[in-house]
PDB file of all heavy atoms in Angstrom:
ATOM      1  N   ASP A   1     153.195 105.221  62.279  1.00  0.00           N
ATOM      2  CA  ASP A   1     152.540 103.930  62.116  1.00  0.00           C
ATOM      3  C   ASP A   1     151.828 103.660  63.432  1.00  0.00           C
ATOM      4  O   ASP A   1     152.478 103.395  64.449  1.00  0.00           O
ATOM      5  CB  ASP A   1     153.580 102.850  61.805  1.00  0.00           C
ATOM      6  CG  ASP A   1     152.975 101.473  61.617  1.00  0.00           C
ATOM      7  OD1 ASP A   1     151.755 101.311  61.830  1.00  0.00           O
ATOM      8  OD2 ASP A   1     153.729 100.554  61.261  1.00  0.00           O
ATOM      9  N   ALA A   2     150.526 103.737  63.428  1.00  0.00           N
ATOM     10  CA  ALA A   2     149.756 103.565  64.667  1.00  0.00           C
ATOM     11  C   ALA A   2     149.899 102.168  65.254  1.00  0.00           C
ATOM     12  O   ALA A   2     149.593 101.950  66.420  1.00  0.00           O
ATOM     13  CB  ALA A   2     148.281 103.891  64.426  1.00  0.00           C
ATOM     14  N   ALA A   3     150.392 101.220  64.471  1.00  0.00           N
ATOM     15  CA  ALA A   3     150.645  99.882  64.990  1.00  0.00           C
ATOM     16  C   ALA A   3     151.941  99.841  65.801  1.00  0.00           C
ATOM     17  O   ALA A   3     152.205  98.873  66.499  1.00  0.00           O
ATOM     18  CB  ALA A   3     150.706  98.866  63.853  1.00  0.00           C
ATOM     19  N   ASP A   4     152.734 100.899  65.719  1.00  0.00           N
ATOM     20  CA  ASP A   4     153.969 101.037  66.502  1.00  0.00           C
ATOM     21  C   ASP A   4     153.608 101.769  67.785  1.00  0.00           C
ATOM     22  O   ASP A   4     153.397 102.977  67.792  1.00  0.00           O
ATOM     23  CB  ASP A   4     155.005 101.810  65.692  1.00  0.00           C
ATOM     24  CG  ASP A   4     156.307 102.040  66.427  1.00  0.00           C
ATOM     25  OD1 ASP A   4     156.322 102.066  67.680  1.00  0.00           O
ATOM     26  OD2 ASP A   4     157.325 102.225  65.742  1.00  0.00           O
ATOM     27  N   ARG A   5     153.521 101.017  68.868  1.00  0.00           N
ATOM     28  CA  ARG A   5     153.028 101.550  70.148  1.00  0.00           C
ATOM     29  C   ARG A   5     153.812 102.788  70.604  1.00  0.00           C
ATOM     30  O   ARG A   5     153.230 103.781  71.021  1.00  0.00           O
ATOM     31  CB  ARG A   5     153.083 100.460  71.209  1.00  0.00           C
ATOM     32  CG  ARG A   5     152.396 100.800  72.498  1.00  0.00           C
ATOM     33  CD  ARG A   5     152.413  99.559  73.413  1.00  0.00           C
ATOM     34  NE  ARG A   5     151.459  99.587  74.465  1.00  0.00           N
ATOM     35  CZ  ARG A   5     150.145  99.425  74.371  1.00  0.00           C
ATOM     36  NH1 ARG A   5     149.601  99.251  73.197  1.00  0.00           N
ATOM     37  NH2 ARG A   5     149.364  99.456  75.412  1.00  0.00           N
ATOM     38  N   ALA A   6     155.129 102.750  70.521  1.00  0.00           N
ATOM     39  CA  ALA A   6     155.947 103.879  70.972  1.00  0.00           C
ATOM     40  C   ALA A   6     155.740 105.111  70.093  1.00  0.00           C
ATOM     41  O   ALA A   6     155.644 106.235  70.602  1.00  0.00           O
ATOM     42  CB  ALA A   6     157.424 103.485  71.006  1.00  0.00           C
ATOM     43  N   ALA A   7     155.675 104.901  68.783  1.00  0.00           N
ATOM     44  CA  ALA A   7     155.468 106.028  67.866  1.00  0.00           C
ATOM     45  C   ALA A   7     154.104 106.668  68.104  1.00  0.00           C
ATOM     46  O   ALA A   7     153.980 107.899  68.128  1.00  0.00           O
ATOM     47  CB  ALA A   7     155.595 105.567  66.417  1.00  0.00           C
ATOM     48  N   LEU A   8     153.082 105.844  68.298  1.00  0.00           N
ATOM     49  CA  LEU A   8     151.743 106.373  68.551  1.00  0.00           C
ATOM     50  C   LEU A   8     151.708 107.112  69.880  1.00  0.00           C
ATOM     51  O   LEU A   8     151.112 108.192  69.984  1.00  0.00           O
ATOM     52  CB  LEU A   8     150.704 105.258  68.528  1.00  0.00           C
ATOM     53  CG  LEU A   8     149.263 105.693  68.762  1.00  0.00           C
ATOM     54  CD1 LEU A   8     148.805 106.691  67.704  1.00  0.00           C
ATOM     55  CD2 LEU A   8     148.346 104.486  68.795  1.00  0.00           C
ATOM     56  N   ALA A   9     152.357 106.563  70.904  1.00  0.00           N
ATOM     57  CA  ALA A   9     152.399 107.229  72.211  1.00  0.00           C
ATOM     58  C   ALA A   9     153.040 108.608  72.094  1.00  0.00           C
ATOM     59  O   ALA A   9     152.569 109.581  72.702  1.00  0.00           O
ATOM     60  CB  ALA A   9     153.142 106.366  73.223  1.00  0.00           C
ATOM     61  N   ALA A  10     154.098 108.718  71.293  1.00  0.00           N
ATOM     62  CA  ALA A  10     154.756 110.008  71.109  1.00  0.00           C
ATOM     63  C   ALA A  10     153.827 111.018  70.451  1.00  0.00           C
ATOM     64  O   ALA A  10     153.790 112.194  70.842  1.00  0.00           O
ATOM     65  CB  ALA A  10     156.030 109.832  70.277  1.00  0.00           C
ATOM     66  N   VAL A  11     153.061 110.583  69.463  1.00  0.00           N
ATOM     67  CA  VAL A  11     152.106 111.481  68.803  1.00  0.00           C
ATOM     68  C   VAL A  11     151.035 111.933  69.796  1.00  0.00           C
ATOM     69  O   VAL A  11     150.718 113.117  69.893  1.00  0.00           O
ATOM     70  CB  VAL A  11     151.453 110.804  67.579  1.00  0.00           C
ATOM     71  CG1 VAL A  11     150.290 111.631  67.051  1.00  0.00           C
ATOM     72  CG2 VAL A  11     152.481 110.574  66.489  1.00  0.00           C
ATOM     73  N   LEU A  12     150.498 110.992  70.547  1.00  0.00           N
ATOM     74  CA  LEU A  12     149.445 111.333  71.503  1.00  0.00           C
ATOM     75  C   LEU A  12     149.972 112.229  72.616  1.00  0.00           C
ATOM     76  O   LEU A  12     149.280 113.150  73.067  1.00  0.00           O
ATOM     77  CB  LEU A  12     148.817 110.064  72.082  1.00  0.00           C
ATOM     78  CG  LEU A  12     148.082 109.185  71.062  1.00  0.00           C
ATOM     79  CD1 LEU A  12     147.576 107.912  71.727  1.00  0.00           C
ATOM     80  CD2 LEU A  12     146.948 109.936  70.393  1.00  0.00           C
ATOM     81  N   ASP A  13     151.194 111.986  73.068  1.00  0.00           N
ATOM     82  CA  ASP A  13     151.793 112.828  74.108  1.00  0.00           C
ATOM     83  C   ASP A  13     152.016 114.254  73.627  1.00  0.00           C
ATOM     84  O   ASP A  13     152.076 115.184  74.437  1.00  0.00           O
ATOM     85  CB  ASP A  13     153.133 112.241  74.579  1.00  0.00           C
ATOM     86  CG  ASP A  13     152.957 110.990  75.423  1.00  0.00           C
ATOM     87  OD1 ASP A  13     151.831 110.740  75.909  1.00  0.00           O
ATOM     88  OD2 ASP A  13     153.952 110.247  75.583  1.00  0.00           O
ATOM     89  N   ALA A  14     152.149 114.448  72.318  1.00  0.00           N
ATOM     90  CA  ALA A  14     152.398 115.768  71.753  1.00  0.00           C
ATOM     91  C   ALA A  14     151.119 116.582  71.543  1.00  0.00           C
ATOM     92  O   ALA A  14     151.190 117.753  71.181  1.00  0.00           O
ATOM     93  CB  ALA A  14     153.156 115.639  70.432  1.00  0.00           C
ATOM     94  N   VAL A  15     149.966 115.982  71.794  1.00  0.00           N
ATOM     95  CA  VAL A  15     148.700 116.719  71.641  1.00  0.00           C
ATOM     96  C   VAL A  15     148.668 117.802  72.714  1.00  0.00           C
ATOM     97  O   VAL A  15     148.781 117.500  73.903  1.00  0.00           O
ATOM     98  CB  VAL A  15     147.476 115.780  71.771  1.00  0.00           C
ATOM     99  CG1 VAL A  15     146.183 116.578  71.781  1.00  0.00           C
ATOM    100  CG2 VAL A  15     147.469 114.760  70.640  1.00  0.00           C
ATOM    101  N   PRO A  16     148.527 119.057  72.308  1.00  0.00           N
ATOM    102  CA  PRO A  16     148.570 120.138  73.292  1.00  0.00           C
ATOM    103  C   PRO A  16     147.383 120.084  74.261  1.00  0.00           C
ATOM    104  O   PRO A  16     146.256 119.769  73.865  1.00  0.00           O
ATOM    105  CB  PRO A  16     148.523 121.412  72.454  1.00  0.00           C
ATOM    106  CG  PRO A  16     148.250 121.010  71.061  1.00  0.00           C
ATOM    107  CD  PRO A  16     148.346 119.525  70.950  1.00  0.00           C
ATOM    108  N   GLY A  17     147.663 120.389  75.512  1.00  0.00           N
ATOM    109  CA  GLY A  17     146.620 120.389  76.535  1.00  0.00           C
ATOM    110  C   GLY A  17     145.487 121.343  76.235  1.00  0.00           C
ATOM    111  O   GLY A  17     144.351 121.110  76.641  1.00  0.00           O
ATOM    112  N   GLU A  18     145.790 122.402  75.501  1.00  0.00           N
ATOM    113  CA  GLU A  18     144.740 123.370  75.165  1.00  0.00           C
ATOM    114  C   GLU A  18     143.742 122.808  74.149  1.00  0.00           C
ATOM    115  O   GLU A  18     142.664 123.359  73.967  1.00  0.00           O
ATOM    116  CB  GLU A  18     145.347 124.667  74.651  1.00  0.00           C
ATOM    117  CG  GLU A  18     146.101 124.498  73.339  1.00  0.00           C
ATOM    118  CD  GLU A  18     146.919 125.714  72.960  1.00  0.00           C
ATOM    119  OE1 GLU A  18     148.047 125.793  73.451  1.00  0.00           O
ATOM    120  OE2 GLU A  18     146.415 126.550  72.179  1.00  0.00           O
ATOM    121  N   PHE A  19     144.136 121.730  73.468  1.00  0.00           N
ATOM    122  CA  PHE A  19     143.264 121.059  72.508  1.00  0.00           C
ATOM    123  C   PHE A  19     143.231 119.571  72.830  1.00  0.00           C
ATOM    124  O   PHE A  19     143.777 118.747  72.095  1.00  0.00           O
ATOM    125  CB  PHE A  19     143.753 121.258  71.070  1.00  0.00           C
ATOM    126  CG  PHE A  19     143.862 122.697  70.662  1.00  0.00           C
ATOM    127  CD1 PHE A  19     145.096 123.285  70.475  1.00  0.00           C
ATOM    128  CD2 PHE A  19     142.721 123.454  70.486  1.00  0.00           C
ATOM    129  CE1 PHE A  19     145.205 124.608  70.117  1.00  0.00           C
ATOM    130  CE2 PHE A  19     142.818 124.789  70.125  1.00  0.00           C
ATOM    131  CZ  PHE A  19     144.062 125.375  69.942  1.00  0.00           C
ATOM    132  N   PRO A  20     142.596 119.188  73.926  1.00  0.00           N
ATOM    133  CA  PRO A  20     142.637 117.783  74.355  1.00  0.00           C
ATOM    134  C   PRO A  20     141.992 116.851  73.329  1.00  0.00           C
ATOM    135  O   PRO A  20     141.039 117.210  72.644  1.00  0.00           O
ATOM    136  CB  PRO A  20     141.852 117.778  75.662  1.00  0.00           C
ATOM    137  CG  PRO A  20     140.986 118.988  75.596  1.00  0.00           C
ATOM    138  CD  PRO A  20     141.735 119.992  74.773  1.00  0.00           C
ATOM    139  N   LEU A  21     142.551 115.650  73.254  1.00  0.00           N
ATOM    140  CA  LEU A  21     142.022 114.625  72.365  1.00  0.00           C
ATOM    141  C   LEU A  21     140.665 114.178  72.891  1.00  0.00           C
ATOM    142  O   LEU A  21     140.545 113.765  74.036  1.00  0.00           O
ATOM    143  CB  LEU A  21     142.992 113.451  72.305  1.00  0.00           C
ATOM    144  CG  LEU A  21     142.630 112.323  71.361  1.00  0.00           C
ATOM    145  CD1 LEU A  21     142.688 112.801  69.920  1.00  0.00           C
ATOM    146  CD2 LEU A  21     143.577 111.154  71.564  1.00  0.00           C
ATOM    147  N   THR A  22     139.647 114.267  72.064  1.00  0.00           N
ATOM    148  CA  THR A  22     138.295 113.869  72.489  1.00  0.00           C
ATOM    149  C   THR A  22     137.700 112.787  71.608  1.00  0.00           C
ATOM    150  O   THR A  22     136.662 112.228  71.948  1.00  0.00           O
ATOM    151  CB  THR A  22     137.341 115.076  72.497  1.00  0.00           C
ATOM    152  OG1 THR A  22     137.279 115.632  71.186  1.00  0.00           O
ATOM    153  CG2 THR A  22     137.803 116.135  73.492  1.00  0.00           C
ATOM    154  N   ALA A  23     138.346 112.499  70.478  1.00  0.00           N
ATOM    155  CA  ALA A  23     137.820 111.468  69.586  1.00  0.00           C
ATOM    156  C   ALA A  23     138.937 110.968  68.680  1.00  0.00           C
ATOM    157  O   ALA A  23     139.911 111.675  68.431  1.00  0.00           O
ATOM    158  CB  ALA A  23     136.678 112.016  68.730  1.00  0.00           C
ATOM    159  N   VAL A  24     138.781 109.746  68.203  1.00  0.00           N
ATOM    160  CA  VAL A  24     139.728 109.151  67.266  1.00  0.00           C
ATOM    161  C   VAL A  24     138.920 108.508  66.144  1.00  0.00           C
ATOM    162  O   VAL A  24     137.953 107.794  66.399  1.00  0.00           O
ATOM    163  CB  VAL A  24     140.599 108.067  67.946  1.00  0.00           C
ATOM    164  CG1 VAL A  24     141.437 107.326  66.917  1.00  0.00           C
ATOM    165  CG2 VAL A  24     141.462 108.681  69.026  1.00  0.00           C
ATOM    166  N   VAL A  25     139.326 108.765  64.917  1.00  0.00           N
ATOM    167  CA  VAL A  25     138.766 108.078  63.763  1.00  0.00           C
ATOM    168  C   VAL A  25     139.916 107.278  63.169  1.00  0.00           C
ATOM    169  O   VAL A  25     140.903 107.845  62.710  1.00  0.00           O
ATOM    170  CB  VAL A  25     138.189 109.067  62.720  1.00  0.00           C
ATOM    171  CG1 VAL A  25     137.685 108.319  61.506  1.00  0.00           C
ATOM    172  CG2 VAL A  25     137.100 109.910  63.343  1.00  0.00           C
ATOM    173  N   HIS A  26     139.797 105.969  63.219  1.00  0.00           N
ATOM    174  CA  HIS A  26     140.868 105.083  62.772  1.00  0.00           C
ATOM    175  C   HIS A  26     140.418 104.406  61.475  1.00  0.00           C
ATOM    176  O   HIS A  26     139.492 103.619  61.478  1.00  0.00           O
ATOM    177  CB  HIS A  26     141.152 104.038  63.869  1.00  0.00           C
ATOM    178  CG  HIS A  26     142.192 103.055  63.502  1.00  0.00           C
ATOM    179  ND1 HIS A  26     141.956 101.706  63.502  1.00  0.00           N
ATOM    180  CD2 HIS A  26     143.474 103.216  63.114  1.00  0.00           C
ATOM    181  CE1 HIS A  26     143.054 101.082  63.144  1.00  0.00           C
ATOM    182  NE2 HIS A  26     143.984 101.968  62.899  1.00  0.00           N
ATOM    183  N   THR A  27     141.089 104.740  60.385  1.00  0.00           N
ATOM    184  CA  THR A  27     140.660 104.226  59.074  1.00  0.00           C
ATOM    185  C   THR A  27     141.795 103.506  58.360  1.00  0.00           C
ATOM    186  O   THR A  27     141.946 103.632  57.149  1.00  0.00           O
ATOM    187  CB  THR A  27     140.137 105.365  58.186  1.00  0.00           C
ATOM    188  OG1 THR A  27     141.186 106.315  57.979  1.00  0.00           O
ATOM    189  CG2 THR A  27     138.933 106.039  58.802  1.00  0.00           C
ATOM    190  N   ALA A  28     142.583 102.742  59.099  1.00  0.00           N
ATOM    191  CA  ALA A  28     143.722 102.039  58.505  1.00  0.00           C
ATOM    192  C   ALA A  28     143.260 101.042  57.460  1.00  0.00           C
ATOM    193  O   ALA A  28     142.190 100.460  57.564  1.00  0.00           O
ATOM    194  CB  ALA A  28     144.502 101.301  59.592  1.00  0.00           C
ATOM    195  N   GLY A  29     144.107 100.842  56.494  1.00  0.00           N
ATOM    196  CA  GLY A  29     143.778  99.846  55.493  1.00  0.00           C
ATOM    197  C   GLY A  29     144.985  99.438  54.677  1.00  0.00           C
ATOM    198  O   GLY A  29     145.744 100.280  54.231  1.00  0.00           O
ATOM    199  N   VAL A  30     145.167  98.157  54.529  1.00  0.00           N
ATOM    200  CA  VAL A  30     146.176  97.589  53.646  1.00  0.00           C
ATOM    201  C   VAL A  30     145.454  96.567  52.793  1.00  0.00           C
ATOM    202  O   VAL A  30     144.699  95.742  53.310  1.00  0.00           O
ATOM    203  CB  VAL A  30     147.318  96.913  54.437  1.00  0.00           C
ATOM    204  CG1 VAL A  30     148.228  96.131  53.516  1.00  0.00           C
ATOM    205  CG2 VAL A  30     148.106  97.948  55.213  1.00  0.00           C
ATOM    206  N   LEU A  31     145.662  96.631  51.505  1.00  0.00           N
ATOM    207  CA  LEU A  31     144.972  95.734  50.593  1.00  0.00           C
ATOM    208  C   LEU A  31     145.915  94.629  50.135  1.00  0.00           C
ATOM    209  O   LEU A  31     147.051  94.892  49.754  1.00  0.00           O
ATOM    210  CB  LEU A  31     144.465  96.517  49.379  1.00  0.00           C
ATOM    211  CG  LEU A  31     143.680  95.736  48.345  1.00  0.00           C
ATOM    212  CD1 LEU A  31     142.399  95.194  48.951  1.00  0.00           C
ATOM    213  CD2 LEU A  31     143.370  96.624  47.153  1.00  0.00           C
ATOM    214  N   ASP A  32     145.447  93.408  50.198  1.00  0.00           N
ATOM    215  CA  ASP A  32     146.172  92.251  49.670  1.00  0.00           C
ATOM    216  C   ASP A  32     145.123  91.294  49.125  1.00  0.00           C
ATOM    217  O   ASP A  32     144.734  90.343  49.788  1.00  0.00           O
ATOM    218  CB  ASP A  32     147.021  91.595  50.765  1.00  0.00           C
ATOM    219  CG  ASP A  32     147.940  90.511  50.219  1.00  0.00           C
ATOM    220  OD1 ASP A  32     147.913  90.261  48.989  1.00  0.00           O
ATOM    221  OD2 ASP A  32     148.675  89.909  51.006  1.00  0.00           O
ATOM    222  N   ASP A  33     144.634  91.611  47.930  1.00  0.00           N
ATOM    223  CA  ASP A  33     143.568  90.817  47.328  1.00  0.00           C
ATOM    224  C   ASP A  33     143.994  89.375  47.096  1.00  0.00           C
ATOM    225  O   ASP A  33     145.137  89.096  46.741  1.00  0.00           O
ATOM    226  CB  ASP A  33     143.154  91.410  45.972  1.00  0.00           C
ATOM    227  CG  ASP A  33     142.319  92.656  46.137  1.00  0.00           C
ATOM    228  OD1 ASP A  33     141.820  92.895  47.245  1.00  0.00           O
ATOM    229  OD2 ASP A  33     142.162  93.390  45.156  1.00  0.00           O
ATOM    230  N   GLY A  34     143.077  88.487  47.298  1.00  0.00           N
ATOM    231  CA  GLY A  34     143.325  87.077  47.026  1.00  0.00           C
ATOM    232  C   GLY A  34     142.165  86.249  47.540  1.00  0.00           C
ATOM    233  O   GLY A  34     141.334  86.721  48.313  1.00  0.00           O
ATOM    234  N   VAL A  35     142.139  85.020  47.125  1.00  0.00           N
ATOM    235  CA  VAL A  35     141.098  84.109  47.599  1.00  0.00           C
ATOM    236  C   VAL A  35     141.516  83.555  48.956  1.00  0.00           C
ATOM    237  O   VAL A  35     142.704  83.497  49.292  1.00  0.00           O
ATOM    238  CB  VAL A  35     140.837  82.973  46.590  1.00  0.00           C
ATOM    239  CG1 VAL A  35     140.256  83.520  45.305  1.00  0.00           C
ATOM    240  CG2 VAL A  35     142.095  82.193  46.319  1.00  0.00           C
ATOM    241  N   LEU A  36     140.557  83.138  49.736  1.00  0.00           N
ATOM    242  CA  LEU A  36     140.815  82.683  51.094  1.00  0.00           C
ATOM    243  C   LEU A  36     141.828  81.550  51.142  1.00  0.00           C
ATOM    244  O   LEU A  36     142.699  81.521  52.012  1.00  0.00           O
ATOM    245  CB  LEU A  36     139.497  82.259  51.757  1.00  0.00           C
ATOM    246  CG  LEU A  36     139.552  81.988  53.243  1.00  0.00           C
ATOM    247  CD1 LEU A  36     140.101  83.174  54.001  1.00  0.00           C
ATOM    248  CD2 LEU A  36     138.182  81.627  53.771  1.00  0.00           C
ATOM    249  N   ASP A  37     141.765  80.623  50.197  1.00  0.00           N
ATOM    250  CA  ASP A  37     142.707  79.502  50.174  1.00  0.00           C
ATOM    251  C   ASP A  37     144.155  79.953  50.005  1.00  0.00           C
ATOM    252  O   ASP A  37     145.090  79.237  50.390  1.00  0.00           O
ATOM    253  CB  ASP A  37     142.365  78.525  49.051  1.00  0.00           C
ATOM    254  CG  ASP A  37     141.057  77.789  49.306  1.00  0.00           C
ATOM    255  OD1 ASP A  37     140.553  77.855  50.442  1.00  0.00           O
ATOM    256  OD2 ASP A  37     140.555  77.145  48.368  1.00  0.00           O
ATOM    257  N   ALA A  38     144.376  81.127  49.421  1.00  0.00           N
ATOM    258  CA  ALA A  38     145.732  81.626  49.174  1.00  0.00           C
ATOM    259  C   ALA A  38     146.241  82.496  50.323  1.00  0.00           C
ATOM    260  O   ALA A  38     147.382  82.957  50.289  1.00  0.00           O
ATOM    261  CB  ALA A  38     145.759  82.425  47.873  1.00  0.00           C
ATOM    262  N   LEU A  39     145.422  82.704  51.325  1.00  0.00           N
ATOM    263  CA  LEU A  39     145.811  83.566  52.439  1.00  0.00           C
ATOM    264  C   LEU A  39     146.794  82.830  53.347  1.00  0.00           C
ATOM    265  O   LEU A  39     146.464  81.820  53.949  1.00  0.00           O
ATOM    266  CB  LEU A  39     144.570  83.985  53.233  1.00  0.00           C
ATOM    267  CG  LEU A  39     144.764  85.030  54.312  1.00  0.00           C
ATOM    268  CD1 LEU A  39     145.275  86.335  53.706  1.00  0.00           C
ATOM    269  CD2 LEU A  39     143.453  85.279  55.032  1.00  0.00           C
ATOM    270  N   THR A  40     148.002  83.342  53.424  1.00  0.00           N
ATOM    271  CA  THR A  40     149.021  82.753  54.283  1.00  0.00           C
ATOM    272  C   THR A  40     149.074  83.535  55.587  1.00  0.00           C
ATOM    273  O   THR A  40     148.568  84.673  55.659  1.00  0.00           O
ATOM    274  CB  THR A  40     150.403  82.833  53.614  1.00  0.00           C
ATOM    275  OG1 THR A  40     150.766  84.213  53.475  1.00  0.00           O
ATOM    276  CG2 THR A  40     150.417  82.131  52.261  1.00  0.00           C
ATOM    277  N   PRO A  41     149.680  82.980  56.623  1.00  0.00           N
ATOM    278  CA  PRO A  41     149.816  83.737  57.873  1.00  0.00           C
ATOM    279  C   PRO A  41     150.543  85.069  57.665  1.00  0.00           C
ATOM    280  O   PRO A  41     150.172  86.079  58.256  1.00  0.00           O
ATOM    281  CB  PRO A  41     150.625  82.803  58.774  1.00  0.00           C
ATOM    282  CG  PRO A  41     150.281  81.430  58.282  1.00  0.00           C
ATOM    283  CD  PRO A  41     150.143  81.586  56.785  1.00  0.00           C
ATOM    284  N   GLY A  42     151.544  85.090  56.813  1.00  0.00           N
ATOM    285  CA  GLY A  42     152.268  86.328  56.538  1.00  0.00           C
ATOM    286  C   GLY A  42     151.402  87.381  55.872  1.00  0.00           C
ATOM    287  O   GLY A  42     151.472  88.559  56.215  1.00  0.00           O
ATOM    288  N   ARG A  43     150.598  86.954  54.911  1.00  0.00           N
ATOM    289  CA  ARG A  43     149.701  87.897  54.237  1.00  0.00           C
ATOM    290  C   ARG A  43     148.637  88.401  55.194  1.00  0.00           C
ATOM    291  O   ARG A  43     148.307  89.588  55.200  1.00  0.00           O
ATOM    292  CB  ARG A  43     149.048  87.245  53.012  1.00  0.00           C
ATOM    293  CG  ARG A  43     150.022  87.061  51.857  1.00  0.00           C
ATOM    294  CD  ARG A  43     149.393  86.365  50.683  1.00  0.00           C
ATOM    295  NE  ARG A  43     148.363  87.206  50.075  1.00  0.00           N
ATOM    296  CZ  ARG A  43     147.508  86.781  49.151  1.00  0.00           C
ATOM    297  NH1 ARG A  43     147.570  85.533  48.717  1.00  0.00           N
ATOM    298  NH2 ARG A  43     146.617  87.599  48.639  1.00  0.00           N
TER     299      ARG A  43
END
């Protein structure tokens, strides 16, 4: 879960030096359809 700072750090730390990270494509998405009036802080 890239929103989990420690978990993401562990993944990034495991990237081998022979293949350095040079780019990130972040395509996260969670869908919770609804009208704006129904949007709660939790949603």
